[in-house]
Amino acid sequence: MFNHAVFTIVKKHIDKLDYYALLAGGAPADEFDLESLEISKAIHADSSVLEIAEIIAQVFEKNFDEAAYVNSFMQTALNIKEELK
């Protein structure tokens, strides 16, 4: 189910992460909207930081067709989790 508040939190932190520095390289502001939407639909306030990091890794691995490591997303997951409280 889509929750706009969760999407807004996720998008903020996923954009800040700027995977592959795409935004810094001139990609449009909506570059990560699909990923942010997928992540926001898969998490909830009770998700652990590790669960959020795993979901982020899964989404980026699927959408960028390249291995994504959970540890690379722990800080972003923590930031998301703290705002979901």
N, C-alpha and C. Protein backbone atom coordinates (compact mmCIF):
# COMPACT_ATOMS: atom_id res chain seq x y z
N MET A 1 0.83 -1.18 0.00
CA MET A 1 0.00 0.00 0.00
C MET A 1 0.88 1.25 0.00
N PHE A 2 0.50 2.24 -0.76
CA PHE A 2 1.27 3.47 -0.88
C PHE A 2 0.97 4.41 0.29
N ASN A 3 2.03 4.88 0.92
CA ASN A 3 1.92 5.86 2.00
C ASN A 3 2.81 7.03 1.61
N HIS A 4 2.20 8.17 1.29
CA HIS A 4 2.96 9.31 0.79
C HIS A 4 3.99 9.81 1.81
N ALA A 5 3.66 9.78 3.09
CA ALA A 5 4.60 10.24 4.12
C ALA A 5 5.85 9.36 4.14
N VAL A 6 5.66 8.05 4.05
CA VAL A 6 6.80 7.13 4.03
C VAL A 6 7.61 7.36 2.75
N PHE A 7 6.94 7.51 1.63
CA PHE A 7 7.64 7.77 0.37
C PHE A 7 8.49 9.03 0.47
N THR A 8 7.97 10.08 1.06
CA THR A 8 8.70 11.34 1.18
C THR A 8 9.97 11.16 2.00
N ILE A 9 9.87 10.41 3.09
CA ILE A 9 11.05 10.13 3.93
C ILE A 9 12.07 9.31 3.14
N VAL A 10 11.60 8.25 2.52
CA VAL A 10 12.50 7.37 1.76
C VAL A 10 13.16 8.14 0.63
N LYS A 11 12.38 8.89 -0.14
CA LYS A 11 12.94 9.64 -1.27
C LYS A 11 14.03 10.60 -0.81
N LYS A 12 13.78 11.30 0.28
CA LYS A 12 14.78 12.24 0.80
C LYS A 12 16.12 11.55 1.05
N HIS A 13 16.07 10.39 1.70
CA HIS A 13 17.31 9.71 2.05
C HIS A 13 17.93 8.94 0.88
N ILE A 14 17.11 8.44 0.00
CA ILE A 14 17.65 7.76 -1.19
C ILE A 14 18.29 8.80 -2.12
N ASP A 15 17.66 9.94 -2.27
CA ASP A 15 18.26 11.01 -3.07
C ASP A 15 19.57 11.48 -2.44
N LYS A 16 19.61 11.57 -1.12
CA LYS A 16 20.83 11.99 -0.42
C LYS A 16 21.94 10.96 -0.63
N LEU A 17 21.57 9.68 -0.65
CA LEU A 17 22.53 8.61 -0.92
C LEU A 17 23.13 8.78 -2.32
N ASP A 18 22.31 9.17 -3.27
CA ASP A 18 22.72 9.43 -4.66
C ASP A 18 23.57 8.30 -5.23
N TYR A 19 22.95 7.13 -5.31
CA TYR A 19 23.61 5.92 -5.82
C TYR A 19 24.29 6.20 -7.15
N TYR A 20 25.53 5.83 -7.26
CA TYR A 20 26.36 6.07 -8.44
C TYR A 20 26.54 7.55 -8.78
N ALA A 21 26.24 8.44 -7.84
CA ALA A 21 26.36 9.89 -8.03
C ALA A 21 25.61 10.36 -9.28
N LEU A 22 24.47 9.74 -9.52
CA LEU A 22 23.69 10.10 -10.71
C LEU A 22 23.12 11.51 -10.62
N LEU A 23 22.60 11.88 -9.45
CA LEU A 23 22.04 13.22 -9.30
C LEU A 23 23.14 14.27 -9.42
N ALA A 24 24.27 14.00 -8.79
CA ALA A 24 25.41 14.93 -8.87
C ALA A 24 25.90 15.06 -10.30
N GLY A 25 25.69 14.02 -11.09
CA GLY A 25 26.12 14.02 -12.48
C GLY A 25 25.11 14.63 -13.44
N GLY A 26 24.02 15.15 -12.91
CA GLY A 26 23.05 15.83 -13.76
C GLY A 26 21.78 15.07 -14.07
N ALA A 27 21.58 13.92 -13.43
CA ALA A 27 20.34 13.17 -13.66
C ALA A 27 19.16 13.99 -13.13
N PRO A 28 17.97 13.76 -13.67
CA PRO A 28 16.79 14.51 -13.22
C PRO A 28 16.46 14.21 -11.76
N ALA A 29 15.76 15.13 -11.11
CA ALA A 29 15.43 15.02 -9.69
C ALA A 29 14.59 13.77 -9.37
N ASP A 30 13.90 13.24 -10.38
CA ASP A 30 13.08 12.05 -10.14
C ASP A 30 13.83 10.74 -10.44
N GLU A 31 15.13 10.81 -10.58
CA GLU A 31 15.95 9.65 -10.95
C GLU A 31 15.68 8.43 -10.08
N PHE A 32 15.51 8.63 -8.78
CA PHE A 32 15.35 7.50 -7.86
C PHE A 32 13.91 7.34 -7.37
N ASP A 33 12.96 7.97 -8.03
CA ASP A 33 11.57 7.87 -7.57
C ASP A 33 11.03 6.44 -7.63
N LEU A 34 11.35 5.70 -8.67
CA LEU A 34 10.88 4.32 -8.78
C LEU A 34 11.44 3.48 -7.62
N GLU A 35 12.74 3.62 -7.37
CA GLU A 35 13.35 2.87 -6.28
C GLU A 35 12.76 3.30 -4.93
N SER A 36 12.58 4.59 -4.75
CA SER A 36 12.02 5.09 -3.50
C SER A 36 10.60 4.57 -3.29
N LEU A 37 9.84 4.50 -4.36
CA LEU A 37 8.47 3.97 -4.27
C LEU A 37 8.48 2.49 -3.90
N GLU A 38 9.32 1.72 -4.54
CA GLU A 38 9.41 0.29 -4.22
C GLU A 38 9.81 0.07 -2.77
N ILE A 39 10.79 0.83 -2.32
CA ILE A 39 11.27 0.70 -0.94
C ILE A 39 10.17 1.12 0.03
N SER A 40 9.53 2.24 -0.24
CA SER A 40 8.50 2.73 0.69
C SER A 40 7.31 1.79 0.78
N LYS A 41 7.01 1.05 -0.27
CA LYS A 41 5.92 0.08 -0.23
C LYS A 41 6.30 -1.17 0.57
N ALA A 42 7.60 -1.44 0.70
CA ALA A 42 8.06 -2.67 1.34
C ALA A 42 8.41 -2.51 2.81
N ILE A 43 8.49 -1.28 3.29
CA ILE A 43 8.88 -1.07 4.69
C ILE A 43 7.71 -0.48 5.48
N HIS A 44 7.86 -0.54 6.80
CA HIS A 44 6.86 0.05 7.69
C HIS A 44 7.57 0.49 8.97
N ALA A 45 6.87 1.14 9.84
CA ALA A 45 7.47 1.69 11.07
C ALA A 45 8.12 0.62 11.93
N ASP A 46 7.64 -0.61 11.85
CA ASP A 46 8.21 -1.70 12.65
C ASP A 46 9.40 -2.38 11.98
N SER A 47 9.74 -2.01 10.77
CA SER A 47 10.90 -2.61 10.09
C SER A 47 12.17 -2.24 10.84
N SER A 48 13.06 -3.20 10.97
CA SER A 48 14.35 -2.92 11.62
C SER A 48 15.27 -2.21 10.63
N VAL A 49 16.33 -1.63 11.16
CA VAL A 49 17.32 -0.98 10.30
C VAL A 49 17.89 -2.00 9.31
N LEU A 50 18.18 -3.19 9.79
CA LEU A 50 18.72 -4.22 8.90
C LEU A 50 17.71 -4.60 7.82
N GLU A 51 16.45 -4.74 8.18
CA GLU A 51 15.43 -5.07 7.18
C GLU A 51 15.33 -3.97 6.12
N ILE A 52 15.38 -2.73 6.55
CA ILE A 52 15.30 -1.62 5.60
C ILE A 52 16.52 -1.64 4.68
N ALA A 53 17.71 -1.85 5.24
CA ALA A 53 18.93 -1.92 4.43
C ALA A 53 18.86 -3.07 3.43
N GLU A 54 18.32 -4.21 3.85
CA GLU A 54 18.18 -5.36 2.95
C GLU A 54 17.22 -5.04 1.81
N ILE A 55 16.14 -4.35 2.11
CA ILE A 55 15.18 -3.99 1.07
C ILE A 55 15.81 -3.00 0.09
N ILE A 56 16.53 -2.01 0.61
CA ILE A 56 17.20 -1.05 -0.26
C ILE A 56 18.18 -1.79 -1.19
N ALA A 57 18.97 -2.70 -0.62
CA ALA A 57 19.94 -3.45 -1.42
C ALA A 57 19.24 -4.27 -2.50
N GLN A 58 18.15 -4.93 -2.14
CA GLN A 58 17.40 -5.74 -3.11
C GLN A 58 16.87 -4.88 -4.26
N VAL A 59 16.32 -3.73 -3.92
CA VAL A 59 15.74 -2.86 -4.94
C VAL A 59 16.83 -2.34 -5.87
N PHE A 60 17.95 -1.87 -5.32
CA PHE A 60 19.01 -1.35 -6.17
C PHE A 60 19.67 -2.46 -6.98
N GLU A 61 19.81 -3.64 -6.40
CA GLU A 61 20.39 -4.75 -7.15
C GLU A 61 19.52 -5.11 -8.34
N LYS A 62 18.21 -5.15 -8.11
CA LYS A 62 17.27 -5.49 -9.19
C LYS A 62 17.24 -4.39 -10.26
N ASN A 63 17.17 -3.14 -9.84
CA ASN A 63 16.98 -2.05 -10.79
C ASN A 63 18.26 -1.63 -11.51
N PHE A 64 19.42 -1.91 -10.91
CA PHE A 64 20.68 -1.54 -11.54
C PHE A 64 21.44 -2.76 -12.05
N ASP A 65 20.86 -3.96 -11.86
CA ASP A 65 21.42 -5.21 -12.36
C ASP A 65 22.89 -5.36 -11.98
N GLU A 66 23.17 -5.08 -10.72
CA GLU A 66 24.53 -5.19 -10.20
C GLU A 66 24.44 -5.48 -8.71
N ALA A 67 25.39 -6.25 -8.20
CA ALA A 67 25.37 -6.60 -6.79
C ALA A 67 25.36 -5.35 -5.92
N ALA A 68 24.47 -5.35 -4.94
CA ALA A 68 24.38 -4.24 -3.98
C ALA A 68 24.52 -4.87 -2.59
N TYR A 69 25.36 -4.33 -1.77
CA TYR A 69 25.68 -4.92 -0.48
C TYR A 69 24.95 -4.20 0.65
N VAL A 70 24.32 -4.99 1.51
CA VAL A 70 23.52 -4.46 2.60
C VAL A 70 24.29 -3.45 3.43
N ASN A 71 25.55 -3.75 3.74
CA ASN A 71 26.34 -2.84 4.57
C ASN A 71 26.46 -1.44 3.96
N SER A 72 26.39 -1.35 2.67
CA SER A 72 26.48 -0.05 2.00
C SER A 72 25.27 0.84 2.26
N PHE A 73 24.20 0.25 2.76
CA PHE A 73 22.96 0.98 2.94
C PHE A 73 22.54 1.13 4.40
N MET A 74 23.39 0.72 5.33
CA MET A 74 23.03 0.74 6.74
C MET A 74 22.77 2.17 7.25
N GLN A 75 23.61 3.11 6.89
CA GLN A 75 23.41 4.48 7.37
C GLN A 75 22.12 5.08 6.80
N THR A 76 21.88 4.84 5.53
CA THR A 76 20.65 5.33 4.90
C THR A 76 19.44 4.69 5.57
N ALA A 77 19.53 3.38 5.84
CA ALA A 77 18.43 2.68 6.51
C ALA A 77 18.20 3.24 7.91
N LEU A 78 19.28 3.53 8.62
CA LEU A 78 19.16 4.11 9.96
C LEU A 78 18.48 5.48 9.90
N ASN A 79 18.87 6.29 8.93
CA ASN A 79 18.26 7.61 8.77
C ASN A 79 16.77 7.49 8.47
N ILE A 80 16.41 6.56 7.62
CA ILE A 80 15.00 6.34 7.30
C ILE A 80 14.25 5.87 8.54
N LYS A 81 14.81 4.88 9.22
CA LYS A 81 14.18 4.32 10.41
C LYS A 81 13.91 5.40 11.45
N GLU A 82 14.88 6.26 11.68
CA GLU A 82 14.72 7.29 12.70
C GLU A 82 13.59 8.26 12.36
N GLU A 83 13.36 8.50 11.08
CA GLU A 83 12.26 9.39 10.70
C GLU A 83 10.90 8.68 10.68
N LEU A 84 10.92 7.37 10.59
CA LEU A 84 9.66 6.61 10.58
C LEU A 84 9.04 6.51 11.97
N LYS A 85 9.81 6.77 13.00
CA LYS A 85 9.32 6.63 14.38
C LYS A 85 8.16 7.55 14.66
